[in-house]
């Protein structure tokens, strides 16, 4: 359960940082953070499923 949450947190920070670097406003940082967070949470979920399948 830690992988998707970690991906969500890292993705949110990374997306907001990228939007700020490109000169975005608060709404842009929120949107980019949400998009990156969701994407990395999905990647983390698939990694969690893969690891649990390999361990069993």
PDB file of N, CA and C in Angstrom:
ATOM      1  N   UNK A   1       0.816  -1.192   0.000  1.00  0.00           N
ATOM      2  CA  UNK A   1       0.000   0.000   0.000  1.00  0.00           C
ATOM      3  C   UNK A   1       0.866   1.265   0.000  1.00  0.00           C
ATOM      4  N   UNK A   2       2.111   1.112   0.335  1.00  0.00           N
ATOM      5  CA  UNK A   2       2.972   2.292   0.434  1.00  0.00           C
ATOM      6  C   UNK A   2       3.403   2.796  -0.949  1.00  0.00           C
ATOM      7  N   UNK A   3       3.509   1.908  -1.933  1.00  0.00           N
ATOM      8  CA  UNK A   3       3.969   2.330  -3.259  1.00  0.00           C
ATOM      9  C   UNK A   3       3.010   3.306  -3.948  1.00  0.00           C
ATOM     10  N   UNK A   4       1.695   3.028  -3.985  1.00  0.00           N
ATOM     11  CA  UNK A   4       0.810   4.005  -4.632  1.00  0.00           C
ATOM     12  C   UNK A   4       0.779   5.350  -3.909  1.00  0.00           C
ATOM     13  N   UNK A   5       0.823   5.324  -2.578  1.00  0.00           N
ATOM     14  CA  UNK A   5       0.801   6.585  -1.836  1.00  0.00           C
ATOM     15  C   UNK A   5       2.087   7.375  -2.044  1.00  0.00           C
ATOM     16  N   UNK A   6       3.191   6.671  -2.107  1.00  0.00           N
ATOM     17  CA  UNK A   6       4.465   7.332  -2.371  1.00  0.00           C
ATOM     18  C   UNK A   6       4.471   7.927  -3.775  1.00  0.00           C
ATOM     19  N   UNK A   7       3.955   7.171  -4.734  1.00  0.00           N
ATOM     20  CA  UNK A   7       3.862   7.678  -6.099  1.00  0.00           C
ATOM     21  C   UNK A   7       2.968   8.901  -6.195  1.00  0.00           C
ATOM     22  N   UNK A   8       1.878   8.894  -5.444  1.00  0.00           N
ATOM     23  CA  UNK A   8       0.977  10.042  -5.439  1.00  0.00           C
ATOM     24  C   UNK A   8       1.675  11.277  -4.877  1.00  0.00           C
ATOM     25  N   UNK A   9       2.390  11.106  -3.792  1.00  0.00           N
ATOM     26  CA  UNK A   9       3.081  12.231  -3.165  1.00  0.00           C
ATOM     27  C   UNK A   9       4.214  12.760  -4.048  1.00  0.00           C
ATOM     28  N   UNK A  10       5.043  11.865  -4.544  1.00  0.00           N
ATOM     29  CA  UNK A  10       6.166  12.286  -5.392  1.00  0.00           C
ATOM     30  C   UNK A  10       5.655  12.903  -6.687  1.00  0.00           C
ATOM     31  N   UNK A  11       4.637  12.310  -7.280  1.00  0.00           N
ATOM     32  CA  UNK A  11       4.067  12.854  -8.507  1.00  0.00           C
ATOM     33  C   UNK A  11       3.453  14.228  -8.315  1.00  0.00           C
ATOM     34  N   UNK A  12       2.788  14.421  -7.187  1.00  0.00           N
ATOM     35  CA  UNK A  12       2.199  15.734  -6.911  1.00  0.00           C
ATOM     36  C   UNK A  12       3.249  16.815  -6.753  1.00  0.00           C
ATOM     37  N   UNK A  13       4.304  16.486  -6.045  1.00  0.00           N
ATOM     38  CA  UNK A  13       5.390  17.454  -5.862  1.00  0.00           C
ATOM     39  C   UNK A  13       6.087  17.734  -7.184  1.00  0.00           C
ATOM     40  N   UNK A  14       6.350  16.673  -7.932  1.00  0.00           N
ATOM     41  CA  UNK A  14       7.047  16.821  -9.210  1.00  0.00           C
ATOM     42  C   UNK A  14       6.210  17.636 -10.205  1.00  0.00           C
ATOM     43  N   UNK A  15       4.917  17.357 -10.278  1.00  0.00           N
ATOM     44  CA  UNK A  15       4.055  18.092 -11.201  1.00  0.00           C
ATOM     45  C   UNK A  15       3.941  19.562 -10.846  1.00  0.00           C
ATOM     46  N   UNK A  16       3.788  19.855  -9.562  1.00  0.00           N
ATOM     47  CA  UNK A  16       3.715  21.252  -9.138  1.00  0.00           C
ATOM     48  C   UNK A  16       5.028  21.977  -9.412  1.00  0.00           C
ATOM     49  N   UNK A  17       6.130  21.298  -9.197  1.00  0.00           N
ATOM     50  CA  UNK A  17       7.445  21.896  -9.468  1.00  0.00           C
ATOM     51  C   UNK A  17       7.618  22.193 -10.953  1.00  0.00           C
ATOM     52  N   UNK A  18       7.197  21.255 -11.800  1.00  0.00           N
ATOM     53  CA  UNK A  18       7.313  21.485 -13.242  1.00  0.00           C
ATOM     54  C   UNK A  18       6.439  22.655 -13.695  1.00  0.00           C
ATOM     55  N   UNK A  19       5.225  22.744 -13.147  1.00  0.00           N
ATOM     56  CA  UNK A  19       4.341  23.854 -13.528  1.00  0.00           C
ATOM     57  C   UNK A  19       4.908  25.186 -13.051  1.00  0.00           C
ATOM     58  N   UNK A  20       5.468  25.212 -11.852  1.00  0.00           N
ATOM     59  CA  UNK A  20       6.041  26.452 -11.338  1.00  0.00           C
ATOM     60  C   UNK A  20       7.257  26.874 -12.157  1.00  0.00           C
ATOM     61  N   UNK A  21       8.054  25.895 -12.552  1.00  0.00           N
ATOM     62  CA  UNK A  21       9.240  26.186 -13.356  1.00  0.00           C
ATOM     63  C   UNK A  21       8.858  26.778 -14.711  1.00  0.00           C
ATOM     64  N   UNK A  22       7.718  26.386 -15.229  1.00  0.00           N
ATOM     65  CA  UNK A  22       7.255  26.908 -16.519  1.00  0.00           C
ATOM     66  C   UNK A  22       6.465  28.209 -16.379  1.00  0.00           C
ATOM     67  N   UNK A  23       6.393  28.727 -15.153  1.00  0.00           N
ATOM     68  CA  UNK A  23       5.723  30.000 -14.938  1.00  0.00           C
ATOM     69  C   UNK A  23       4.232  29.887 -14.706  1.00  0.00           C
ATOM     70  N   UNK A  24       3.764  28.743 -14.240  1.00  0.00           N
ATOM     71  CA  UNK A  24       2.339  28.546 -14.030  1.00  0.00           C
ATOM     72  C   UNK A  24       1.837  29.176 -12.739  1.00  0.00           C
ATOM     73  N   UNK A  25       0.553  29.421 -12.707  1.00  0.00           N
ATOM     74  CA  UNK A  25      -0.091  29.965 -11.516  1.00  0.00           C
ATOM     75  C   UNK A  25      -0.488  28.802 -10.596  1.00  0.00           C
ATOM     76  N   UNK A  26      -1.162  29.122  -9.498  1.00  0.00           N
ATOM     77  CA  UNK A  26      -1.518  28.106  -8.498  1.00  0.00           C
ATOM     78  C   UNK A  26      -2.422  27.035  -9.108  1.00  0.00           C
ATOM     79  N   UNK A  27      -3.375  27.433  -9.934  1.00  0.00           N
ATOM     80  CA  UNK A  27      -4.275  26.464 -10.562  1.00  0.00           C
ATOM     81  C   UNK A  27      -3.500  25.522 -11.490  1.00  0.00           C
ATOM     82  N   UNK A  28      -2.514  26.053 -12.203  1.00  0.00           N
ATOM     83  CA  UNK A  28      -1.690  25.219 -13.070  1.00  0.00           C
ATOM     84  C   UNK A  28      -0.884  24.212 -12.251  1.00  0.00           C
ATOM     85  N   UNK A  29      -0.329  24.682 -11.131  1.00  0.00           N
ATOM     86  CA  UNK A  29       0.450  23.788 -10.281  1.00  0.00           C
ATOM     87  C   UNK A  29      -0.432  22.695  -9.694  1.00  0.00           C
ATOM     88  N   UNK A  30      -1.661  23.034  -9.331  1.00  0.00           N
ATOM     89  CA  UNK A  30      -2.586  22.029  -8.794  1.00  0.00           C
ATOM     90  C   UNK A  30      -2.956  20.999  -9.858  1.00  0.00           C
ATOM     91  N   UNK A  31      -3.206  21.465 -11.073  1.00  0.00           N
ATOM     92  CA  UNK A  31      -3.591  20.547 -12.140  1.00  0.00           C
ATOM     93  C   UNK A  31      -2.434  19.629 -12.516  1.00  0.00           C
ATOM     94  N   UNK A  32      -1.252  20.194 -12.685  1.00  0.00           N
ATOM     95  CA  UNK A  32      -0.086  19.388 -13.037  1.00  0.00           C
ATOM     96  C   UNK A  32       0.251  18.425 -11.909  1.00  0.00           C
ATOM     97  N   UNK A  33       0.143  18.895 -10.668  1.00  0.00           N
ATOM     98  CA  UNK A  33       0.411  18.033  -9.531  1.00  0.00           C
ATOM     99  C   UNK A  33      -0.562  16.876  -9.450  1.00  0.00           C
ATOM    100  N   UNK A  34      -1.830  17.147  -9.695  1.00  0.00           N
ATOM    101  CA  UNK A  34      -2.835  16.084  -9.672  1.00  0.00           C
ATOM    102  C   UNK A  34      -2.599  15.077 -10.790  1.00  0.00           C
ATOM    103  N   UNK A  35      -2.304  15.560 -11.972  1.00  0.00           N
ATOM    104  CA  UNK A  35      -2.088  14.660 -13.110  1.00  0.00           C
ATOM    105  C   UNK A  35      -0.860  13.773 -12.895  1.00  0.00           C
ATOM    106  N   UNK A  36       0.235  14.371 -12.465  1.00  0.00           N
ATOM    107  CA  UNK A  36       1.439  13.588 -12.219  1.00  0.00           C
ATOM    108  C   UNK A  36       1.248  12.644 -11.031  1.00  0.00           C
ATOM    109  N   UNK A  37       0.550  13.114 -10.010  1.00  0.00           N
ATOM    110  CA  UNK A  37       0.299  12.279  -8.846  1.00  0.00           C
ATOM    111  C   UNK A  37      -0.527  11.055  -9.182  1.00  0.00           C
ATOM    112  N   UNK A  38      -1.574  11.240  -9.957  1.00  0.00           N
ATOM    113  CA  UNK A  38      -2.419  10.105 -10.355  1.00  0.00           C
ATOM    114  C   UNK A  38      -1.632   9.134 -11.222  1.00  0.00           C
ATOM    115  N   UNK A  39      -0.855   9.663 -12.152  1.00  0.00           N
ATOM    116  CA  UNK A  39      -0.078   8.796 -13.041  1.00  0.00           C
ATOM    117  C   UNK A  39       0.929   7.956 -12.252  1.00  0.00           C
ATOM    118  N   UNK A  40       1.651   8.567 -11.337  1.00  0.00           N
ATOM    119  CA  UNK A  40       2.636   7.802 -10.571  1.00  0.00           C
ATOM    120  C   UNK A  40       1.975   6.887  -9.544  1.00  0.00           C
ATOM    121  N   UNK A  41       0.787   7.233  -9.067  1.00  0.00           N
ATOM    122  CA  UNK A  41       0.062   6.334  -8.171  1.00  0.00           C
ATOM    123  C   UNK A  41      -0.368   5.072  -8.912  1.00  0.00           C
ATOM    124  N   UNK A  42      -0.780   5.210 -10.163  1.00  0.00           N
ATOM    125  CA  UNK A  42      -1.152   4.043 -10.969  1.00  0.00           C
ATOM    126  C   UNK A  42       0.072   3.165 -11.227  1.00  0.00           C
ATOM    127  N   UNK A  43       1.201   3.792 -11.524  1.00  0.00           N
ATOM    128  CA  UNK A  43       2.440   3.029 -11.714  1.00  0.00           C
ATOM    129  C   UNK A  43       2.802   2.289 -10.423  1.00  0.00           C
ATOM    130  N   UNK A  44       2.677   2.968  -9.285  1.00  0.00           N
ATOM    131  CA  UNK A  44       2.956   2.340  -8.002  1.00  0.00           C
ATOM    132  C   UNK A  44       2.003   1.192  -7.706  1.00  0.00           C
ATOM    133  N   UNK A  45       0.745   1.332  -8.096  1.00  0.00           N
ATOM    134  CA  UNK A  45      -0.227   0.266  -7.897  1.00  0.00           C
ATOM    135  C   UNK A  45       0.139  -0.966  -8.718  1.00  0.00           C
ATOM    136  N   UNK A  46       0.532  -0.763  -9.961  1.00  0.00           N
ATOM    137  CA  UNK A  46       0.933  -1.897 -10.787  1.00  0.00           C
ATOM    138  C   UNK A  46       2.198  -2.563 -10.250  1.00  0.00           C
ATOM    139  N   UNK A  47       3.130  -1.763  -9.744  1.00  0.00           N
ATOM    140  CA  UNK A  47       4.325  -2.339  -9.127  1.00  0.00           C
ATOM    141  C   UNK A  47       3.968  -3.148  -7.893  1.00  0.00           C
ATOM    142  N   UNK A  48       3.036  -2.659  -7.091  1.00  0.00           N
ATOM    143  CA  UNK A  48       2.597  -3.372  -5.906  1.00  0.00           C
ATOM    144  C   UNK A  48       1.947  -4.699  -6.286  1.00  0.00           C
ATOM    145  N   UNK A  49       1.104  -4.685  -7.312  1.00  0.00           N
ATOM    146  CA  UNK A  49       0.481  -5.920  -7.767  1.00  0.00           C
ATOM    147  C   UNK A  49       1.506  -6.908  -8.304  1.00  0.00           C
ATOM    148  N   UNK A  50       2.467  -6.410  -9.061  1.00  0.00           N
ATOM    149  CA  UNK A  50       3.502  -7.262  -9.593  1.00  0.00           C
ATOM    150  C   UNK A  50       4.340  -7.891  -8.482  1.00  0.00           C
ATOM    151  N   UNK A  51       4.737  -7.086  -7.512  1.00  0.00           N
ATOM    152  CA  UNK A  51       5.522  -7.614  -6.406  1.00  0.00           C
ATOM    153  C   UNK A  51       4.755  -8.604  -5.553  1.00  0.00           C
ATOM    154  N   UNK A  52       3.464  -8.354  -5.352  1.00  0.00           N
ATOM    155  CA  UNK A  52       2.677  -9.294  -4.563  1.00  0.00           C
ATOM    156  C   UNK A  52       2.454 -10.608  -5.312  1.00  0.00           C
ATOM    157  N   UNK A  53       2.350 -10.535  -6.618  1.00  0.00           N
ATOM    158  CA  UNK A  53       2.214 -11.764  -7.419  1.00  0.00           C
ATOM    159  C   UNK A  53       3.512 -12.566  -7.424  1.00  0.00           C
ATOM    160  N   UNK A  54       4.624 -11.880  -7.521  1.00  0.00           N
ATOM    161  CA  UNK A  54       5.912 -12.572  -7.526  1.00  0.00           C
ATOM    162  C   UNK A  54       6.244 -13.169  -6.163  1.00  0.00           C
ATOM    163  N   UNK A  55       5.786 -12.542  -5.090  1.00  0.00           N
ATOM    164  CA  UNK A  55       6.083 -13.027  -3.740  1.00  0.00           C
ATOM    165  C   UNK A  55       5.230 -14.239  -3.380  1.00  0.00           C
ATOM    166  N   UNK A  56       4.057 -14.366  -4.007  1.00  0.00           N
ATOM    167  CA  UNK A  56       3.143 -15.464  -3.656  1.00  0.00           C
ATOM    168  C   UNK A  56       3.439 -16.727  -4.428  1.00  0.00           C
TER     169      UNK A  56
END
